[in-house]
Amino acid sequence: MNTSITITLCFIIVSVNGAPHSNTALDSEWITWKLRYGKTYMSAADELQHRLSWETNYKFVTEHNQRPDTTYKVELNTWADQVKTHLVILCVKAWSH
């Protein structure tokens, strides 16, 4: 009986620690961005998925704009939280009409 409890606890710890999580240092920027574009999500899991995409784009924008050799600036827009598969679906729908 002890063996099954140990295995279960190890699985739970690995599952929780291995789950993706957001960068809490960006919380205020995330909230400001969501308010600016009126973003809401169906669930906490859905919001986390969009938040992680937004963080990737936030990092790209920040790094690009800090480069001294760039001749233009980029910024986050209403699409900054979209997962790539969502963007492909949106583009296909737009092109088909």
C-alpha atoms as a PDB file:
ATOM      1  CA  MET A   1       0.000   0.000   0.000  1.00  0.00           C
ATOM      2  CA  ASN A   2       2.840   2.434   0.715  1.00  0.00           C
ATOM      3  CA  THR A   3       4.243   1.898  -2.767  1.00  0.00           C
ATOM      4  CA  SER A   4       1.038   3.004  -4.519  1.00  0.00           C
ATOM      5  CA  ILE A   5       0.771   6.103  -2.345  1.00  0.00           C
ATOM      6  CA  THR A   6       4.379   7.061  -3.096  1.00  0.00           C
ATOM      7  CA  ILE A   7       3.900   6.599  -6.831  1.00  0.00           C
ATOM      8  CA  THR A   8       0.716   8.670  -6.794  1.00  0.00           C
ATOM      9  CA  LEU A   9       2.363  11.484  -4.864  1.00  0.00           C
ATOM     10  CA  CYS A  10       5.342  11.522  -7.235  1.00  0.00           C
ATOM     11  CA  PHE A  11       2.993  11.703 -10.219  1.00  0.00           C
ATOM     12  CA  ILE A  12       1.060  14.602  -8.713  1.00  0.00           C
ATOM     13  CA  ILE A  13       4.239  16.532  -7.904  1.00  0.00           C
ATOM     14  CA  VAL A  14       5.650  16.017 -11.399  1.00  0.00           C
ATOM     15  CA  SER A  15       2.333  16.985 -12.994  1.00  0.00           C
ATOM     16  CA  VAL A  16       2.043  20.216 -11.015  1.00  0.00           C
ATOM     17  CA  ASN A  17       5.679  21.215 -11.390  1.00  0.00           C
ATOM     18  CA  GLY A  18       5.722  20.351 -15.093  1.00  0.00           C
ATOM     19  CA  ALA A  19       2.662  22.449 -15.925  1.00  0.00           C
ATOM     20  CA  PRO A  20       3.319  25.640 -17.886  1.00  0.00           C
ATOM     21  CA  HIS A  21       2.990  28.825 -15.892  1.00  0.00           C
ATOM     22  CA  SER A  22       3.032  32.517 -16.650  1.00  0.00           C
ATOM     23  CA  ASN A  23       5.667  35.061 -15.735  1.00  0.00           C
ATOM     24  CA  THR A  24       4.159  36.887 -12.758  1.00  0.00           C
ATOM     25  CA  ALA A  25       6.493  39.839 -13.360  1.00  0.00           C
ATOM     26  CA  LEU A  26       4.307  40.645 -16.388  1.00  0.00           C
ATOM     27  CA  ASP A  27       0.975  40.589 -14.516  1.00  0.00           C
ATOM     28  CA  SER A  28       0.335  44.339 -14.682  1.00  0.00           C
ATOM     29  CA  GLU A  29       1.247  44.528 -18.394  1.00  0.00           C
ATOM     30  CA  TRP A  30      -1.046  41.553 -19.083  1.00  0.00           C
ATOM     31  CA  ILE A  31      -3.965  43.126 -17.229  1.00  0.00           C
ATOM     32  CA  THR A  32      -3.434  46.485 -18.957  1.00  0.00           C
ATOM     33  CA  TRP A  33      -3.274  44.808 -22.366  1.00  0.00           C
ATOM     34  CA  LYS A  34      -6.443  42.762 -21.705  1.00  0.00           C
ATOM     35  CA  LEU A  35      -8.341  45.884 -20.625  1.00  0.00           C
ATOM     36  CA  ARG A  36      -7.116  47.851 -23.646  1.00  0.00           C
ATOM     37  CA  TYR A  37      -8.392  45.215 -26.079  1.00  0.00           C
ATOM     38  CA  GLY A  38     -11.400  43.993 -24.066  1.00  0.00           C
ATOM     39  CA  LYS A  39     -10.096  40.445 -23.751  1.00  0.00           C
ATOM     40  CA  THR A  40     -11.942  37.792 -21.760  1.00  0.00           C
ATOM     41  CA  TYR A  41     -11.487  34.028 -21.758  1.00  0.00           C
ATOM     42  CA  MET A  42     -13.749  31.009 -21.248  1.00  0.00           C
ATOM     43  CA  SER A  43     -11.679  29.459 -18.436  1.00  0.00           C
ATOM     44  CA  ALA A  44      -8.473  29.826 -16.455  1.00  0.00           C
ATOM     45  CA  ALA A  45      -6.856  27.173 -18.670  1.00  0.00           C
ATOM     46  CA  ASP A  46      -7.890  29.066 -21.822  1.00  0.00           C
ATOM     47  CA  GLU A  47      -6.541  32.317 -20.376  1.00  0.00           C
ATOM     48  CA  LEU A  48      -3.243  30.647 -19.484  1.00  0.00           C
ATOM     49  CA  GLN A  49      -2.844  29.368 -23.050  1.00  0.00           C
ATOM     50  CA  HIS A  50      -3.478  32.851 -24.438  1.00  0.00           C
ATOM     51  CA  ARG A  51      -1.277  34.442 -21.772  1.00  0.00           C
ATOM     52  CA  LEU A  52       1.654  32.217 -22.727  1.00  0.00           C
ATOM     53  CA  SER A  53       1.259  33.190 -26.389  1.00  0.00           C
ATOM     54  CA  TRP A  54       1.063  36.847 -25.366  1.00  0.00           C
ATOM     55  CA  GLU A  55       4.230  36.498 -23.274  1.00  0.00           C
ATOM     56  CA  THR A  56       6.100  35.036 -26.246  1.00  0.00           C
ATOM     57  CA  ASN A  57       5.011  37.982 -28.372  1.00  0.00           C
ATOM     58  CA  TYR A  58       5.753  40.441 -25.546  1.00  0.00           C
ATOM     59  CA  LYS A  59       9.306  39.088 -25.357  1.00  0.00           C
ATOM     60  CA  PHE A  60       9.745  39.381 -29.138  1.00  0.00           C
ATOM     61  CA  VAL A  61       8.456  42.977 -29.161  1.00  0.00           C
ATOM     62  CA  THR A  62      10.601  44.012 -26.200  1.00  0.00           C
ATOM     63  CA  GLU A  63      13.772  42.438 -27.582  1.00  0.00           C
ATOM     64  CA  HIS A  64      13.195  43.804 -31.083  1.00  0.00           C
ATOM     65  CA  ASN A  65      12.529  47.351 -29.899  1.00  0.00           C
ATOM     66  CA  GLN A  66      15.640  47.343 -27.691  1.00  0.00           C
ATOM     67  CA  ARG A  67      17.974  46.410 -30.537  1.00  0.00           C
ATOM     68  CA  PRO A  68      20.076  49.402 -31.589  1.00  0.00           C
ATOM     69  CA  ASP A  69      20.280  48.252 -35.225  1.00  0.00           C
ATOM     70  CA  THR A  70      16.542  48.150 -35.914  1.00  0.00           C
ATOM     71  CA  THR A  71      15.038  50.733 -38.236  1.00  0.00           C
ATOM     72  CA  TYR A  72      11.446  50.256 -37.080  1.00  0.00           C
ATOM     73  CA  LYS A  73       9.485  49.470 -33.931  1.00  0.00           C
ATOM     74  CA  VAL A  74       6.852  46.802 -33.356  1.00  0.00           C
ATOM     75  CA  GLU A  75       4.080  46.686 -30.778  1.00  0.00           C
ATOM     76  CA  LEU A  76       1.496  44.325 -29.357  1.00  0.00           C
ATOM     77  CA  ASN A  77      -1.950  44.481 -30.922  1.00  0.00           C
ATOM     78  CA  THR A  78      -5.286  42.737 -30.457  1.00  0.00           C
ATOM     79  CA  TRP A  79      -3.870  39.513 -31.946  1.00  0.00           C
ATOM     80  CA  ALA A  80      -0.900  39.251 -29.539  1.00  0.00           C
ATOM     81  CA  ASP A  81      -2.582  36.556 -27.415  1.00  0.00           C
ATOM     82  CA  GLN A  82      -3.603  34.279 -30.255  1.00  0.00           C
ATOM     83  CA  VAL A  83      -2.233  30.775 -30.438  1.00  0.00           C
ATOM     84  CA  LYS A  84      -0.774  30.079 -33.890  1.00  0.00           C
ATOM     85  CA  THR A  85      -3.487  27.548 -34.755  1.00  0.00           C
ATOM     86  CA  HIS A  86      -6.159  30.139 -33.956  1.00  0.00           C
ATOM     87  CA  LEU A  87      -4.479  32.645 -36.264  1.00  0.00           C
ATOM     88  CA  VAL A  88      -4.358  30.122 -39.106  1.00  0.00           C
ATOM     89  CA  ILE A  89      -8.076  29.415 -38.687  1.00  0.00           C
ATOM     90  CA  LEU A  90      -8.886  33.142 -38.642  1.00  0.00           C
ATOM     91  CA  CYS A  91      -6.807  33.754 -41.761  1.00  0.00           C
ATOM     92  CA  VAL A  92      -8.382  30.860 -43.659  1.00  0.00           C
ATOM     93  CA  LYS A  93     -11.865  32.097 -42.754  1.00  0.00           C
ATOM     94  CA  ALA A  94     -10.993  35.623 -43.871  1.00  0.00           C
ATOM     95  CA  TRP A  95      -9.510  34.457 -47.177  1.00  0.00           C
ATOM     96  CA  SER A  96     -12.440  32.152 -47.953  1.00  0.00           C
ATOM     97  CA  HIS A  97     -14.997  34.984 -47.837  1.00  0.00           C
END
